[in-house]
Structures are given as structure tokens and as C-alpha cells.
Amino acid sequence: MTYLEQAFNAEIVTPNNNANITLSGGTINAASNNGACLYIGTGGKITVTMLGGQKVTFHNVVDGTFMPIQVQKVWATDTDASDILALY
């Protein structure tokens, strides 16, 4: 049987070049949790650091997109998407 992990909490994400996503329980890092998936309210371009450490830019993300990826950082540089939520 396969179990799908579902979010149990959400936090507003402010893109930041200098810090990982901050959650009410602390900062995301690979040692302490599985990262966060993202909801993009207002689409555009979004640059993230994946939980594995890779920096990736997603182009043309549409409004209302759920991104089922594990991220630890949303970069201010090269991100123009907004209304971003971290789901964890």
C-alpha cells in the first residue's frame, strides 16, 4: 500500500536570498525535515533551492499552481511569482 504525504501546516513565504524558508517550528534544512512543497498564488518565475541542494528556476508557473517538490529556499533574485505558501 502506498501512502501519500499531505501537508498539515502552511506558512507564507517571503523570498530571501540569504535564508531558508522559516516555519513556525524552525528553518527548513535536510537534517531536520523533508522540506516544503509550494503553492503559487500569483504565477511567474520562481527560483528555489531543492532539498537536495540544487538551485532551479521554474519559468511560466501559472496562478494557483501546487508544486509537489521539496524545497528549502525561495530566492528573491529571479523570482517574480508571489502569494507563495510553503506546505509541510
PDB file of N, CA and C in Angstrom:
ATOM      1  N   MET A   1       0.844  -1.169   0.000  1.00  0.00           N
ATOM      2  CA  MET A   1       0.000   0.000   0.000  1.00  0.00           C
ATOM      3  C   MET A   1       0.893   1.236   0.000  1.00  0.00           C
ATOM      4  N   THR A   2       0.531   2.217  -0.797  1.00  0.00           N
ATOM      5  CA  THR A   2       1.273   3.466  -0.870  1.00  0.00           C
ATOM      6  C   THR A   2       0.540   4.544  -0.085  1.00  0.00           C
ATOM      7  N   TYR A   3       1.280   5.283   0.721  1.00  0.00           N
ATOM      8  CA  TYR A   3       0.710   6.394   1.470  1.00  0.00           C
ATOM      9  C   TYR A   3       1.202   7.701   0.869  1.00  0.00           C
ATOM     10  N   LEU A   4       0.306   8.616   0.674  1.00  0.00           N
ATOM     11  CA  LEU A   4       0.673   9.933   0.173  1.00  0.00           C
ATOM     12  C   LEU A   4       0.792  10.880   1.342  1.00  0.00           C
ATOM     13  N   GLU A   5       1.891  11.592   1.393  1.00  0.00           N
ATOM     14  CA  GLU A   5       2.074  12.565   2.460  1.00  0.00           C
ATOM     15  C   GLU A   5       1.274  13.806   2.131  1.00  0.00           C
ATOM     16  N   GLN A   6       0.543  14.299   3.089  1.00  0.00           N
ATOM     17  CA  GLN A   6      -0.240  15.510   2.909  1.00  0.00           C
ATOM     18  C   GLN A   6       0.243  16.569   3.872  1.00  0.00           C
ATOM     19  N   ALA A   7       0.107  17.810   3.455  1.00  0.00           N
ATOM     20  CA  ALA A   7       0.522  18.922   4.311  1.00  0.00           C
ATOM     21  C   ALA A   7      -0.385  19.009   5.526  1.00  0.00           C
ATOM     22  N   PHE A   8       0.195  19.353   6.651  1.00  0.00           N
ATOM     23  CA  PHE A   8      -0.581  19.576   7.864  1.00  0.00           C
ATOM     24  C   PHE A   8      -0.454  21.002   8.357  1.00  0.00           C
ATOM     25  N   ASN A   9       0.359  21.815   7.656  1.00  0.00           N
ATOM     26  CA  ASN A   9       0.526  23.202   8.046  1.00  0.00           C
ATOM     27  C   ASN A   9       0.953  24.009   6.826  1.00  0.00           C
ATOM     28  N   ALA A  10       0.800  25.323   6.916  1.00  0.00           N
ATOM     29  CA  ALA A  10       1.195  26.209   5.817  1.00  0.00           C
ATOM     30  C   ALA A  10       1.751  27.502   6.394  1.00  0.00           C
ATOM     31  N   GLU A  11       2.708  28.068   5.679  1.00  0.00           N
ATOM     32  CA  GLU A  11       3.322  29.337   6.082  1.00  0.00           C
ATOM     33  C   GLU A  11       3.482  30.221   4.850  1.00  0.00           C
ATOM     34  N   ILE A  12       3.331  31.516   5.028  1.00  0.00           N
ATOM     35  CA  ILE A  12       3.610  32.466   3.952  1.00  0.00           C
ATOM     36  C   ILE A  12       5.111  32.488   3.714  1.00  0.00           C
ATOM     37  N   VAL A  13       5.503  32.477   2.442  1.00  0.00           N
ATOM     38  CA  VAL A  13       6.921  32.504   2.089  1.00  0.00           C
ATOM     39  C   VAL A  13       7.287  33.886   1.568  1.00  0.00           C
ATOM     40  N   THR A  14       8.301  34.469   2.152  1.00  0.00           N
ATOM     41  CA  THR A  14       8.888  35.696   1.634  1.00  0.00           C
ATOM     42  C   THR A  14      10.212  35.308   0.989  1.00  0.00           C
ATOM     43  N   PRO A  15      10.317  35.423  -0.339  1.00  0.00           N
ATOM     44  CA  PRO A  15      11.577  35.067  -0.994  1.00  0.00           C
ATOM     45  C   PRO A  15      12.753  35.810  -0.363  1.00  0.00           C
ATOM     46  N   ASN A  16      13.860  35.078  -0.175  1.00  0.00           N
ATOM     47  CA  ASN A  16      15.005  35.621   0.552  1.00  0.00           C
ATOM     48  C   ASN A  16      16.275  34.959   0.019  1.00  0.00           C
ATOM     49  N   ASN A  17      17.230  35.754  -0.409  1.00  0.00           N
ATOM     50  CA  ASN A  17      18.491  35.208  -0.915  1.00  0.00           C
ATOM     51  C   ASN A  17      19.406  34.689   0.183  1.00  0.00           C
ATOM     52  N   ASN A  18      19.180  35.111   1.411  1.00  0.00           N
ATOM     53  CA  ASN A  18      20.126  34.828   2.485  1.00  0.00           C
ATOM     54  C   ASN A  18      19.674  33.790   3.499  1.00  0.00           C
ATOM     55  N   ALA A  19      18.423  33.319   3.393  1.00  0.00           N
ATOM     56  CA  ALA A  19      17.933  32.386   4.409  1.00  0.00           C
ATOM     57  C   ALA A  19      16.965  31.378   3.809  1.00  0.00           C
ATOM     58  N   ASN A  20      16.958  30.195   4.405  1.00  0.00           N
ATOM     59  CA  ASN A  20      15.985  29.186   4.017  1.00  0.00           C
ATOM     60  C   ASN A  20      14.594  29.606   4.491  1.00  0.00           C
ATOM     61  N   ILE A  21      13.583  28.907   4.016  1.00  0.00           N
ATOM     62  CA  ILE A  21      12.205  29.172   4.421  1.00  0.00           C
ATOM     63  C   ILE A  21      12.101  28.985   5.930  1.00  0.00           C
ATOM     64  N   THR A  22      11.486  29.935   6.601  1.00  0.00           N
ATOM     65  CA  THR A  22      11.288  29.851   8.039  1.00  0.00           C
ATOM     66  C   THR A  22       9.870  29.386   8.323  1.00  0.00           C
ATOM     67  N   LEU A  23       9.774  28.333   9.108  1.00  0.00           N
ATOM     68  CA  LEU A  23       8.483  27.786   9.513  1.00  0.00           C
ATOM     69  C   LEU A  23       8.294  28.051  10.997  1.00  0.00           C
ATOM     70  N   SER A  24       7.087  27.903  11.478  1.00  0.00           N
ATOM     71  CA  SER A  24       6.828  28.153  12.897  1.00  0.00           C
ATOM     72  C   SER A  24       7.667  27.238  13.784  1.00  0.00           C
ATOM     73  N   GLY A  25       8.061  26.079  13.261  1.00  0.00           N
ATOM     74  CA  GLY A  25       8.873  25.148  14.040  1.00  0.00           C
ATOM     75  C   GLY A  25      10.362  25.297  13.809  1.00  0.00           C
ATOM     76  N   GLY A  26      10.789  26.301  13.019  1.00  0.00           N
ATOM     77  CA  GLY A  26      12.206  26.489  12.744  1.00  0.00           C
ATOM     78  C   GLY A  26      12.446  26.697  11.267  1.00  0.00           C
ATOM     79  N   THR A  27      13.681  26.548  10.851  1.00  0.00           N
ATOM     80  CA  THR A  27      14.072  26.755   9.460  1.00  0.00           C
ATOM     81  C   THR A  27      14.200  25.413   8.762  1.00  0.00           C
ATOM     82  N   ILE A  28      13.798  25.354   7.514  1.00  0.00           N
ATOM     83  CA  ILE A  28      13.905  24.116   6.748  1.00  0.00           C
ATOM     84  C   ILE A  28      15.365  23.792   6.484  1.00  0.00           C
ATOM     85  N   ASN A  29      15.728  22.551   6.737  1.00  0.00           N
ATOM     86  CA  ASN A  29      17.023  22.020   6.317  1.00  0.00           C
ATOM     87  C   ASN A  29      16.910  20.514   6.207  1.00  0.00           C
ATOM     88  N   ALA A  30      17.759  19.925   5.407  1.00  0.00           N
ATOM     89  CA  ALA A  30      17.660  18.496   5.119  1.00  0.00           C
ATOM     90  C   ALA A  30      17.833  17.622   6.352  1.00  0.00           C
ATOM     91  N   ALA A  31      18.533  18.111   7.357  1.00  0.00           N
ATOM     92  CA  ALA A  31      18.798  17.290   8.539  1.00  0.00           C
ATOM     93  C   ALA A  31      17.569  17.135   9.435  1.00  0.00           C
ATOM     94  N   SER A  32      16.652  18.106   9.404  1.00  0.00           N
ATOM     95  CA  SER A  32      15.567  18.074  10.388  1.00  0.00           C
ATOM     96  C   SER A  32      14.185  17.813   9.812  1.00  0.00           C
ATOM     97  N   ASN A  33      13.989  17.922   8.503  1.00  0.00           N
ATOM     98  CA  ASN A  33      12.666  17.679   7.942  1.00  0.00           C
ATOM     99  C   ASN A  33      12.766  17.419   6.446  1.00  0.00           C
ATOM    100  N   ASN A  34      11.634  17.223   5.814  1.00  0.00           N
ATOM    101  CA  ASN A  34      11.601  16.872   4.396  1.00  0.00           C
ATOM    102  C   ASN A  34      11.355  18.054   3.478  1.00  0.00           C
ATOM    103  N   GLY A  35      11.598  19.263   3.929  1.00  0.00           N
ATOM    104  CA  GLY A  35      11.369  20.421   3.079  1.00  0.00           C
ATOM    105  C   GLY A  35       9.901  20.770   3.020  1.00  0.00           C
ATOM    106  N   ALA A  36       9.566  21.619   2.075  1.00  0.00           N
ATOM    107  CA  ALA A  36       8.190  22.066   1.920  1.00  0.00           C
ATOM    108  C   ALA A  36       7.818  22.042   0.445  1.00  0.00           C
ATOM    109  N   CYS A  37       6.565  21.703   0.172  1.00  0.00           N
ATOM    110  CA  CYS A  37       6.011  21.868  -1.172  1.00  0.00           C
ATOM    111  C   CYS A  37       5.516  23.305  -1.250  1.00  0.00           C
ATOM    112  N   LEU A  38       5.252  23.782  -2.454  1.00  0.00           N
ATOM    113  CA  LEU A  38       4.840  25.172  -2.619  1.00  0.00           C
ATOM    114  C   LEU A  38       3.499  25.295  -3.303  1.00  0.00           C
ATOM    115  N   TYR A  39       2.743  26.303  -2.894  1.00  0.00           N
ATOM    116  CA  TYR A  39       1.558  26.756  -3.604  1.00  0.00           C
ATOM    117  C   TYR A  39       1.885  28.148  -4.118  1.00  0.00           C
ATOM    118  N   ILE A  40       1.676  28.383  -5.404  1.00  0.00           N
ATOM    119  CA  ILE A  40       1.960  29.670  -6.026  1.00  0.00           C
ATOM    120  C   ILE A  40       0.630  30.336  -6.362  1.00  0.00           C
ATOM    121  N   GLY A  41       0.280  31.384  -5.623  1.00  0.00           N
ATOM    122  CA  GLY A  41      -0.983  32.072  -5.849  1.00  0.00           C
ATOM    123  C   GLY A  41      -0.984  32.909  -7.115  1.00  0.00           C
ATOM    124  N   THR A  42       0.065  33.699  -7.295  1.00  0.00           N
ATOM    125  CA  THR A  42       0.203  34.544  -8.481  1.00  0.00           C
ATOM    126  C   THR A  42       1.449  34.084  -9.227  1.00  0.00           C
ATOM    127  N   GLY A  43       1.231  33.600 -10.419  1.00  0.00           N
ATOM    128  CA  GLY A  43       2.283  32.934 -11.182  1.00  0.00           C
ATOM    129  C   GLY A  43       3.389  33.838 -11.685  1.00  0.00           C
ATOM    130  N   GLY A  44       4.360  33.200 -12.293  1.00  0.00           N
ATOM    131  CA  GLY A  44       5.526  33.871 -12.847  1.00  0.00           C
ATOM    132  C   GLY A  44       6.709  32.933 -12.805  1.00  0.00           C
ATOM    133  N   LYS A  45       7.865  33.490 -12.539  1.00  0.00           N
ATOM    134  CA  LYS A  45       9.112  32.724 -12.437  1.00  0.00           C
ATOM    135  C   LYS A  45       9.451  32.562 -10.960  1.00  0.00           C
ATOM    136  N   ILE A  46       9.939  31.371 -10.599  1.00  0.00           N
ATOM    137  CA  ILE A  46      10.324  31.136  -9.211  1.00  0.00           C
ATOM    138  C   ILE A  46      11.638  30.347  -9.190  1.00  0.00           C
ATOM    139  N   THR A  47      12.585  30.838  -8.396  1.00  0.00           N
ATOM    140  CA  THR A  47      13.868  30.168  -8.233  1.00  0.00           C
ATOM    141  C   THR A  47      13.930  29.609  -6.820  1.00  0.00           C
ATOM    142  N   VAL A  48      14.267  28.332  -6.718  1.00  0.00           N
ATOM    143  CA  VAL A  48      14.283  27.641  -5.432  1.00  0.00           C
ATOM    144  C   VAL A  48      15.574  26.869  -5.265  1.00  0.00           C
ATOM    145  N   THR A  49      15.878  26.537  -4.018  1.00  0.00           N
ATOM    146  CA  THR A  49      16.893  25.538  -3.723  1.00  0.00           C
ATOM    147  C   THR A  49      16.142  24.294  -3.280  1.00  0.00           C
ATOM    148  N   MET A  50      16.352  23.224  -4.026  1.00  0.00           N
ATOM    149  CA  MET A  50      15.714  21.956  -3.705  1.00  0.00           C
ATOM    150  C   MET A  50      16.330  21.390  -2.432  1.00  0.00           C
ATOM    151  N   LEU A  51      15.639  20.478  -1.785  1.00  0.00           N
ATOM    152  CA  LEU A  51      16.140  19.894  -0.548  1.00  0.00           C
ATOM    153  C   LEU A  51      17.473  19.188  -0.773  1.00  0.00           C
ATOM    154  N   GLY A  52      17.713  18.704  -1.986  1.00  0.00           N
ATOM    155  CA  GLY A  52      18.978  18.056  -2.310  1.00  0.00           C
ATOM    156  C   GLY A  52      20.117  19.019  -2.575  1.00  0.00           C
ATOM    157  N   GLY A  53      19.814  20.341  -2.589  1.00  0.00           N
ATOM    158  CA  GLY A  53      20.855  21.346  -2.744  1.00  0.00           C
ATOM    159  C   GLY A  53      20.917  22.025  -4.100  1.00  0.00           C
ATOM    160  N   GLN A  54      20.196  21.519  -5.104  1.00  0.00           N
ATOM    161  CA  GLN A  54      20.238  22.123  -6.428  1.00  0.00           C
ATOM    162  C   GLN A  54      19.417  23.402  -6.478  1.00  0.00           C
ATOM    163  N   LYS A  55      19.954  24.420  -7.133  1.00  0.00           N
ATOM    164  CA  LYS A  55      19.230  25.673  -7.368  1.00  0.00           C
ATOM    165  C   LYS A  55      18.581  25.562  -8.753  1.00  0.00           C
ATOM    166  N   VAL A  56      17.259  25.761  -8.798  1.00  0.00           N
ATOM    167  CA  VAL A  56      16.493  25.557 -10.023  1.00  0.00           C
ATOM    168  C   VAL A  56      15.538  26.726 -10.230  1.00  0.00           C
ATOM    169  N   THR A  57      15.397  27.159 -11.486  1.00  0.00           N
ATOM    170  CA  THR A  57      14.416  28.192 -11.823  1.00  0.00           C
ATOM    171  C   THR A  57      13.293  27.568 -12.644  1.00  0.00           C
ATOM    172  N   PHE A  58      12.061  27.782 -12.190  1.00  0.00           N
ATOM    173  CA  PHE A  58      10.869  27.338 -12.917  1.00  0.00           C
ATOM    174  C   PHE A  58      10.273  28.560 -13.597  1.00  0.00           C
ATOM    175  N   HIS A  59      10.089  28.484 -14.903  1.00  0.00           N
ATOM    176  CA  HIS A  59       9.545  29.587 -15.687  1.00  0.00           C
ATOM    177  C   HIS A  59       8.067  29.351 -15.989  1.00  0.00           C
ATOM    178  N   ASN A  60       7.318  30.436 -16.124  1.00  0.00           N
ATOM    179  CA  ASN A  60       5.915  30.389 -16.565  1.00  0.00           C
ATOM    180  C   ASN A  60       5.017  29.555 -15.667  1.00  0.00           C
ATOM    181  N   VAL A  61       5.243  29.615 -14.360  1.00  0.00           N
ATOM    182  CA  VAL A  61       4.360  28.940 -13.407  1.00  0.00           C
ATOM    183  C   VAL A  61       3.036  29.706 -13.409  1.00  0.00           C
ATOM    184  N   VAL A  62       1.941  29.010 -13.566  1.00  0.00           N
ATOM    185  CA  VAL A  62       0.639  29.676 -13.672  1.00  0.00           C
ATOM    186  C   VAL A  62       0.032  29.923 -12.292  1.00  0.00           C
ATOM    187  N   ASP A  63      -0.891  30.867 -12.232  1.00  0.00           N
ATOM    188  CA  ASP A  63      -1.606  31.168 -10.993  1.00  0.00           C
ATOM    189  C   ASP A  63      -2.251  29.899 -10.432  1.00  0.00           C
ATOM    190  N   GLY A  64      -2.188  29.757  -9.126  1.00  0.00           N
ATOM    191  CA  GLY A  64      -2.867  28.645  -8.463  1.00  0.00           C
ATOM    192  C   GLY A  64      -2.191  27.299  -8.622  1.00  0.00           C
ATOM    193  N   THR A  65      -0.876  27.297  -8.815  1.00  0.00           N
ATOM    194  CA  THR A  65      -0.141  26.044  -9.019  1.00  0.00           C
ATOM    195  C   THR A  65       0.362  25.464  -7.705  1.00  0.00           C
ATOM    196  N   PHE A  66       0.136  24.153  -7.515  1.00  0.00           N
ATOM    197  CA  PHE A  66       0.786  23.410  -6.442  1.00  0.00           C
ATOM    198  C   PHE A  66       2.036  22.799  -7.038  1.00  0.00           C
ATOM    199  N   MET A  67       3.177  23.020  -6.400  1.00  0.00           N
ATOM    200  CA  MET A  67       4.441  22.463  -6.874  1.00  0.00           C
ATOM    201  C   MET A  67       4.847  21.337  -5.922  1.00  0.00           C
ATOM    202  N   PRO A  68       4.690  20.077  -6.350  1.00  0.00           N
ATOM    203  CA  PRO A  68       5.000  18.937  -5.476  1.00  0.00           C
ATOM    204  C   PRO A  68       6.489  18.627  -5.465  1.00  0.00           C
ATOM    205  N   ILE A  69       7.261  19.608  -5.035  1.00  0.00           N
ATOM    206  CA  ILE A  69       8.708  19.479  -4.954  1.00  0.00           C
ATOM    207  C   ILE A  69       9.123  19.793  -3.524  1.00  0.00           C
ATOM    208  N   GLN A  70      10.257  19.302  -3.092  1.00  0.00           N
ATOM    209  CA  GLN A  70      10.733  19.564  -1.740  1.00  0.00           C
ATOM    210  C   GLN A  70      11.789  20.651  -1.804  1.00  0.00           C
ATOM    211  N   VAL A  71      11.452  21.813  -1.254  1.00  0.00           N
ATOM    212  CA  VAL A  71      12.362  22.950  -1.318  1.00  0.00           C
ATOM    213  C   VAL A  71      12.746  23.415   0.081  1.00  0.00           C
ATOM    214  N   GLN A  72      13.905  24.069   0.145  1.00  0.00           N
ATOM    215  CA  GLN A  72      14.344  24.656   1.409  1.00  0.00           C
ATOM    216  C   GLN A  72      14.478  26.169   1.326  1.00  0.00           C
ATOM    217  N   LYS A  73      14.567  26.709   0.098  1.00  0.00           N
ATOM    218  CA  LYS A  73      14.714  28.160  -0.057  1.00  0.00           C
ATOM    219  C   LYS A  73      13.989  28.625  -1.307  1.00  0.00           C
ATOM    220  N   VAL A  74      13.362  29.797  -1.203  1.00  0.00           N
ATOM    221  CA  VAL A  74      12.831  30.507  -2.373  1.00  0.00           C
ATOM    222  C   VAL A  74      13.643  31.789  -2.488  1.00  0.00           C
ATOM    223  N   TRP A  75      14.324  31.938  -3.615  1.00  0.00           N
ATOM    224  CA  TRP A  75      15.223  33.072  -3.839  1.00  0.00           C
ATOM    225  C   TRP A  75      14.448  34.318  -4.242  1.00  0.00           C
ATOM    226  N   ALA A  76      14.852  35.477  -3.723  1.00  0.00           N
ATOM    227  CA  ALA A  76      14.276  36.754  -4.151  1.00  0.00           C
ATOM    228  C   ALA A  76      14.744  37.084  -5.572  1.00  0.00           C
ATOM    229  N   THR A  77      16.027  36.812  -5.829  1.00  0.00           N
ATOM    230  CA  THR A  77      16.578  37.031  -7.168  1.00  0.00           C
ATOM    231  C   THR A  77      15.973  35.996  -8.106  1.00  0.00           C
ATOM    232  N   ASP A  78      15.508  36.432  -9.244  1.00  0.00           N
ATOM    233  CA  ASP A  78      14.915  35.561 -10.263  1.00  0.00           C
ATOM    234  C   ASP A  78      13.584  34.956  -9.847  1.00  0.00           C
ATOM    235  N   THR A  79      12.895  35.567  -8.900  1.00  0.00           N
ATOM    236  CA  THR A  79      11.529  35.159  -8.546  1.00  0.00           C
ATOM    237  C   THR A  79      10.621  36.350  -8.685  1.00  0.00           C
ATOM    238  N   ASP A  80       9.618  36.234  -9.567  1.00  0.00           N
ATOM    239  CA  ASP A  80       8.604  37.281  -9.645  1.00  0.00           C
ATOM    240  C   ASP A  80       7.206  36.739  -9.347  1.00  0.00           C
ATOM    241  N   ALA A  81       7.098  35.446  -9.120  1.00  0.00           N
ATOM    242  CA  ALA A  81       5.833  34.867  -8.635  1.00  0.00           C
ATOM    243  C   ALA A  81       5.597  35.402  -7.220  1.00  0.00           C
ATOM    244  N   SER A  82       4.332  35.417  -6.795  1.00  0.00           N
ATOM    245  CA  SER A  82       4.031  35.934  -5.466  1.00  0.00           C
ATOM    246  C   SER A  82       2.881  35.139  -4.831  1.00  0.00           C
ATOM    247  N   ASP A  83       2.498  35.548  -3.656  1.00  0.00           N
ATOM    248  CA  ASP A  83       1.458  34.840  -2.896  1.00  0.00           C
ATOM    249  C   ASP A  83       1.840  33.353  -2.745  1.00  0.00           C
ATOM    250  N   ILE A  84       3.058  33.146  -2.265  1.00  0.00           N
ATOM    251  CA  ILE A  84       3.635  31.797  -2.160  1.00  0.00           C
ATOM    252  C   ILE A  84       3.413  31.267  -0.742  1.00  0.00           C
ATOM    253  N   LEU A  85       2.959  30.026  -0.677  1.00  0.00           N
ATOM    254  CA  LEU A  85       2.800  29.334   0.601  1.00  0.00           C
ATOM    255  C   LEU A  85       3.692  28.105   0.617  1.00  0.00           C
ATOM    256  N   ALA A  86       4.331  27.855   1.761  1.00  0.00           N
ATOM    257  CA  ALA A  86       5.059  26.610   1.993  1.00  0.00           C
ATOM    258  C   ALA A  86       4.084  25.664   2.673  1.00  0.00           C
ATOM    259  N   LEU A  87       3.942  24.485   2.123  1.00  0.00           N
ATOM    260  CA  LEU A  87       3.067  23.456   2.687  1.00  0.00           C
ATOM    261  C   LEU A  87       3.945  22.349   3.234  1.00  0.00           C
ATOM    262  N   TYR A  88       3.713  21.996   4.482  1.00  0.00           N
ATOM    263  CA  TYR A  88       4.554  20.989   5.107  1.00  0.00           C
ATOM    264  C   TYR A  88       3.779  20.190   6.140  1.00  0.00           C
TER     265      TYR A  88
END
